[in-house]
């Protein structure tokens, strides 16, 4: 799916590093292990500026597109301390 990784990177900038006043960072990792694509984005964020960590419309739309196009995927998000991490695991090919 073209541009499927963009919402995860965009969120790291929009809701994370751009809102962080000190020691802002974004780490992006993309790798393939066998038939799995693994994409991880981790960014700084300030908890006092975060109302609630939840799936916004961008992540909801991404999940829906993934459900339609890829029968096997995992999309996980988590906040811990002043770090937010999104991880997408996508099976590229599978046998029925």
N, C-alpha and C. Protein backbone atom coordinates (compact mmCIF):
# COMPACT_ATOMS: atom_id res chain seq x y z
N UNK A 1 0.85 -1.17 0.00
CA UNK A 1 0.00 0.00 0.00
C UNK A 1 0.90 1.24 0.00
N UNK A 2 0.79 2.06 -1.00
CA UNK A 2 1.63 3.25 -1.07
C UNK A 2 1.41 4.18 0.12
N UNK A 3 2.47 4.68 0.64
CA UNK A 3 2.46 5.69 1.70
C UNK A 3 1.85 5.23 3.03
N UNK A 4 1.78 3.93 3.27
CA UNK A 4 1.15 3.46 4.50
C UNK A 4 1.95 3.80 5.76
N UNK A 5 3.23 4.09 5.62
CA UNK A 5 4.05 4.40 6.78
C UNK A 5 4.01 5.88 7.16
N UNK A 6 3.52 6.71 6.25
CA UNK A 6 3.52 8.16 6.45
C UNK A 6 2.75 8.58 7.71
N UNK A 7 1.56 8.04 8.01
CA UNK A 7 0.85 8.50 9.22
C UNK A 7 1.64 8.28 10.50
N UNK A 8 2.42 7.21 10.56
CA UNK A 8 3.21 6.93 11.76
C UNK A 8 4.34 7.95 11.93
N UNK A 9 4.98 8.29 10.84
CA UNK A 9 6.05 9.30 10.88
C UNK A 9 5.46 10.68 11.15
N UNK A 10 4.36 10.98 10.49
CA UNK A 10 3.70 12.28 10.68
C UNK A 10 3.30 12.48 12.14
N UNK A 11 2.74 11.45 12.76
CA UNK A 11 2.34 11.56 14.17
C UNK A 11 3.53 11.81 15.08
N UNK A 12 4.68 11.19 14.76
CA UNK A 12 5.87 11.39 15.58
C UNK A 12 6.29 12.86 15.59
N UNK A 13 6.16 13.52 14.44
CA UNK A 13 6.50 14.94 14.37
C UNK A 13 5.39 15.80 14.96
N UNK A 14 4.17 15.55 14.53
CA UNK A 14 3.05 16.42 14.88
C UNK A 14 2.69 16.37 16.36
N UNK A 15 2.63 15.17 16.92
CA UNK A 15 2.17 15.01 18.30
C UNK A 15 3.30 14.75 19.28
N UNK A 16 4.51 14.64 18.78
CA UNK A 16 5.63 14.30 19.64
C UNK A 16 6.70 15.35 19.66
N UNK A 17 7.66 15.19 18.77
CA UNK A 17 8.86 16.02 18.82
C UNK A 17 8.58 17.51 18.68
N UNK A 18 7.61 17.88 17.88
CA UNK A 18 7.33 19.32 17.72
C UNK A 18 6.73 19.94 18.97
N UNK A 19 6.17 19.12 19.84
CA UNK A 19 5.57 19.59 21.08
C UNK A 19 6.53 19.49 22.26
N UNK A 20 7.71 18.91 22.04
CA UNK A 20 8.68 18.69 23.10
C UNK A 20 9.63 19.88 23.15
N UNK A 21 9.82 20.42 24.34
CA UNK A 21 10.67 21.61 24.47
C UNK A 21 12.13 21.27 24.74
N UNK A 22 12.41 20.10 25.29
CA UNK A 22 13.79 19.73 25.58
C UNK A 22 14.06 18.30 25.11
N UNK A 23 15.23 18.11 24.54
CA UNK A 23 15.71 16.79 24.14
C UNK A 23 14.71 16.05 23.26
N UNK A 24 14.19 16.71 22.27
CA UNK A 24 13.26 16.08 21.33
C UNK A 24 14.01 15.08 20.46
N UNK A 25 13.36 13.95 20.16
CA UNK A 25 13.98 12.97 19.27
C UNK A 25 12.91 12.18 18.54
N UNK A 26 13.31 11.64 17.41
CA UNK A 26 12.50 10.68 16.65
C UNK A 26 13.46 9.61 16.14
N UNK A 27 13.14 8.36 16.43
CA UNK A 27 13.92 7.22 15.93
C UNK A 27 13.01 6.42 15.01
N UNK A 28 13.50 6.13 13.82
CA UNK A 28 12.72 5.37 12.84
C UNK A 28 13.55 4.17 12.42
N UNK A 29 12.93 3.00 12.43
CA UNK A 29 13.62 1.79 12.00
C UNK A 29 12.69 1.00 11.07
N UNK A 30 13.23 0.60 9.94
CA UNK A 30 12.51 -0.22 8.97
C UNK A 30 13.40 -1.40 8.62
N UNK A 31 12.86 -2.60 8.77
CA UNK A 31 13.65 -3.79 8.43
C UNK A 31 12.73 -4.90 7.95
N UNK A 32 13.31 -5.84 7.25
CA UNK A 32 12.58 -7.01 6.80
C UNK A 32 13.26 -8.24 7.40
N UNK A 33 12.47 -9.09 8.01
CA UNK A 33 12.94 -10.36 8.56
C UNK A 33 12.10 -11.45 7.93
N UNK A 34 12.70 -12.17 6.98
CA UNK A 34 11.95 -13.18 6.25
C UNK A 34 10.83 -12.52 5.48
N UNK A 35 9.61 -12.95 5.74
CA UNK A 35 8.44 -12.40 5.06
C UNK A 35 7.74 -11.31 5.87
N UNK A 36 8.40 -10.82 6.92
CA UNK A 36 7.80 -9.79 7.75
C UNK A 36 8.51 -8.46 7.59
N UNK A 37 7.72 -7.42 7.44
CA UNK A 37 8.20 -6.05 7.42
C UNK A 37 7.95 -5.49 8.81
N UNK A 38 8.97 -4.91 9.41
CA UNK A 38 8.85 -4.35 10.76
C UNK A 38 9.21 -2.87 10.67
N UNK A 39 8.28 -2.03 11.09
CA UNK A 39 8.49 -0.59 11.06
C UNK A 39 8.21 -0.04 12.44
N UNK A 40 9.20 0.63 13.02
CA UNK A 40 9.05 1.18 14.36
C UNK A 40 9.39 2.66 14.35
N UNK A 41 8.56 3.43 15.01
CA UNK A 41 8.79 4.86 15.18
C UNK A 41 8.68 5.15 16.67
N UNK A 42 9.72 5.75 17.22
CA UNK A 42 9.71 6.12 18.63
C UNK A 42 10.05 7.60 18.71
N UNK A 43 9.30 8.32 19.53
CA UNK A 43 9.53 9.76 19.64
C UNK A 43 9.32 10.23 21.07
N UNK A 44 9.91 11.39 21.33
CA UNK A 44 9.72 12.04 22.62
C UNK A 44 8.35 12.72 22.63
N UNK A 45 7.81 12.87 23.82
CA UNK A 45 6.61 13.68 24.00
C UNK A 45 6.55 14.11 25.45
N UNK A 46 5.86 15.18 25.70
CA UNK A 46 5.72 15.68 27.06
C UNK A 46 4.35 15.30 27.58
N UNK A 47 4.34 14.53 28.65
CA UNK A 47 3.08 14.03 29.20
C UNK A 47 2.15 15.16 29.61
N UNK A 48 2.69 16.25 30.11
CA UNK A 48 1.82 17.34 30.55
C UNK A 48 1.10 18.00 29.38
N UNK A 49 1.62 17.84 28.16
CA UNK A 49 0.96 18.39 26.97
C UNK A 49 0.01 17.39 26.33
N UNK A 50 0.12 16.13 26.71
CA UNK A 50 -0.72 15.09 26.10
C UNK A 50 -2.02 14.96 26.87
N UNK A 51 -3.12 15.13 26.17
CA UNK A 51 -4.43 14.99 26.80
C UNK A 51 -4.69 13.52 27.11
N UNK A 52 -4.53 12.68 26.11
CA UNK A 52 -4.74 11.24 26.26
C UNK A 52 -4.10 10.57 25.05
N UNK A 53 -3.37 9.49 25.31
CA UNK A 53 -2.78 8.74 24.21
C UNK A 53 -3.85 7.78 23.70
N UNK A 54 -4.21 7.96 22.45
CA UNK A 54 -5.24 7.12 21.86
C UNK A 54 -5.07 7.13 20.35
N UNK A 55 -5.77 6.24 19.69
CA UNK A 55 -5.74 6.21 18.23
C UNK A 55 -6.57 7.37 17.70
N UNK A 56 -5.92 8.28 17.00
CA UNK A 56 -6.62 9.37 16.35
C UNK A 56 -7.14 8.90 15.00
N UNK A 57 -7.68 9.81 14.25
CA UNK A 57 -8.27 9.45 12.96
C UNK A 57 -7.24 8.88 11.99
N UNK A 58 -6.00 9.40 12.04
CA UNK A 58 -4.96 8.88 11.15
C UNK A 58 -4.65 7.42 11.42
N UNK A 59 -4.52 7.05 12.70
CA UNK A 59 -4.24 5.65 13.03
C UNK A 59 -5.45 4.76 12.78
N UNK A 60 -6.64 5.26 13.02
CA UNK A 60 -7.85 4.48 12.74
C UNK A 60 -7.97 4.20 11.25
N UNK A 61 -7.70 5.22 10.43
CA UNK A 61 -7.75 5.02 8.98
C UNK A 61 -6.67 4.04 8.52
N UNK A 62 -5.48 4.14 9.09
CA UNK A 62 -4.41 3.21 8.75
C UNK A 62 -4.80 1.79 9.10
N UNK A 63 -5.34 1.58 10.30
CA UNK A 63 -5.77 0.22 10.71
C UNK A 63 -6.80 -0.34 9.73
N UNK A 64 -7.74 0.48 9.34
CA UNK A 64 -8.81 0.02 8.44
C UNK A 64 -8.23 -0.37 7.08
N UNK A 65 -7.33 0.44 6.54
CA UNK A 65 -6.70 0.11 5.25
C UNK A 65 -5.88 -1.16 5.35
N UNK A 66 -5.16 -1.32 6.45
CA UNK A 66 -4.38 -2.55 6.65
C UNK A 66 -5.29 -3.77 6.72
N UNK A 67 -6.42 -3.65 7.43
CA UNK A 67 -7.38 -4.76 7.54
C UNK A 67 -7.89 -5.17 6.16
N UNK A 68 -8.10 -4.21 5.30
CA UNK A 68 -8.63 -4.50 3.97
C UNK A 68 -7.59 -5.13 3.04
N UNK A 69 -6.33 -4.75 3.20
CA UNK A 69 -5.31 -5.17 2.24
C UNK A 69 -4.38 -6.27 2.74
N UNK A 70 -4.20 -6.38 4.03
CA UNK A 70 -3.25 -7.35 4.58
C UNK A 70 -3.93 -8.19 5.65
N UNK A 71 -4.11 -9.48 5.38
CA UNK A 71 -4.81 -10.31 6.36
C UNK A 71 -4.01 -10.53 7.66
N UNK A 72 -2.69 -10.36 7.61
CA UNK A 72 -1.89 -10.61 8.80
C UNK A 72 -0.99 -9.39 9.08
N UNK A 73 -1.35 -8.67 10.13
CA UNK A 73 -0.54 -7.52 10.55
C UNK A 73 -0.79 -7.26 12.03
N UNK A 74 0.13 -6.53 12.64
CA UNK A 74 -0.04 -6.04 14.00
C UNK A 74 0.36 -4.57 14.00
N UNK A 75 -0.45 -3.74 14.61
CA UNK A 75 -0.12 -2.34 14.80
C UNK A 75 -0.30 -2.04 16.28
N UNK A 76 0.81 -1.74 16.93
CA UNK A 76 0.79 -1.50 18.37
C UNK A 76 1.30 -0.09 18.66
N UNK A 77 0.69 0.55 19.63
CA UNK A 77 1.18 1.84 20.10
C UNK A 77 1.26 1.79 21.61
N UNK A 78 2.26 2.48 22.16
CA UNK A 78 2.37 2.53 23.61
C UNK A 78 3.14 3.78 24.03
N UNK A 79 2.77 4.29 25.17
CA UNK A 79 3.46 5.43 25.77
C UNK A 79 4.05 4.96 27.08
N UNK A 80 5.31 5.31 27.28
CA UNK A 80 5.99 4.96 28.53
C UNK A 80 6.95 6.08 28.87
N UNK A 81 6.75 6.66 30.03
CA UNK A 81 7.58 7.80 30.40
C UNK A 81 7.34 8.95 29.42
N UNK A 82 8.41 9.47 28.88
CA UNK A 82 8.31 10.54 27.89
C UNK A 82 8.59 10.02 26.48
N UNK A 83 8.27 8.76 26.25
CA UNK A 83 8.49 8.14 24.95
C UNK A 83 7.18 7.54 24.44
N UNK A 84 6.94 7.72 23.16
CA UNK A 84 5.80 7.10 22.49
C UNK A 84 6.36 6.22 21.38
N UNK A 85 5.82 5.01 21.25
CA UNK A 85 6.32 4.08 20.25
C UNK A 85 5.17 3.48 19.46
N UNK A 86 5.32 3.46 18.15
CA UNK A 86 4.38 2.78 17.26
C UNK A 86 5.17 1.69 16.54
N UNK A 87 4.57 0.50 16.46
CA UNK A 87 5.24 -0.64 15.83
C UNK A 87 4.27 -1.33 14.89
N UNK A 88 4.67 -1.45 13.64
CA UNK A 88 3.86 -2.14 12.63
C UNK A 88 4.62 -3.38 12.18
N UNK A 89 3.98 -4.52 12.31
CA UNK A 89 4.52 -5.79 11.83
C UNK A 89 3.56 -6.26 10.74
N UNK A 90 4.09 -6.47 9.56
CA UNK A 90 3.27 -6.77 8.40
C UNK A 90 3.81 -8.02 7.70
N UNK A 91 2.98 -9.03 7.55
CA UNK A 91 3.38 -10.21 6.79
C UNK A 91 3.17 -9.92 5.31
N UNK A 92 4.27 -9.95 4.57
CA UNK A 92 4.24 -9.57 3.16
C UNK A 92 3.60 -10.64 2.28
N UNK A 93 3.93 -11.88 2.53
CA UNK A 93 3.37 -12.99 1.74
C UNK A 93 2.98 -14.10 2.72
N UNK A 94 1.90 -14.76 2.41
CA UNK A 94 1.50 -15.90 3.24
C UNK A 94 0.85 -16.95 2.37
N UNK A 95 0.89 -18.17 2.84
CA UNK A 95 0.22 -19.28 2.15
C UNK A 95 -1.11 -19.54 2.80
N UNK A 96 -2.12 -19.78 1.98
CA UNK A 96 -3.45 -20.07 2.52
C UNK A 96 -3.58 -21.52 2.88
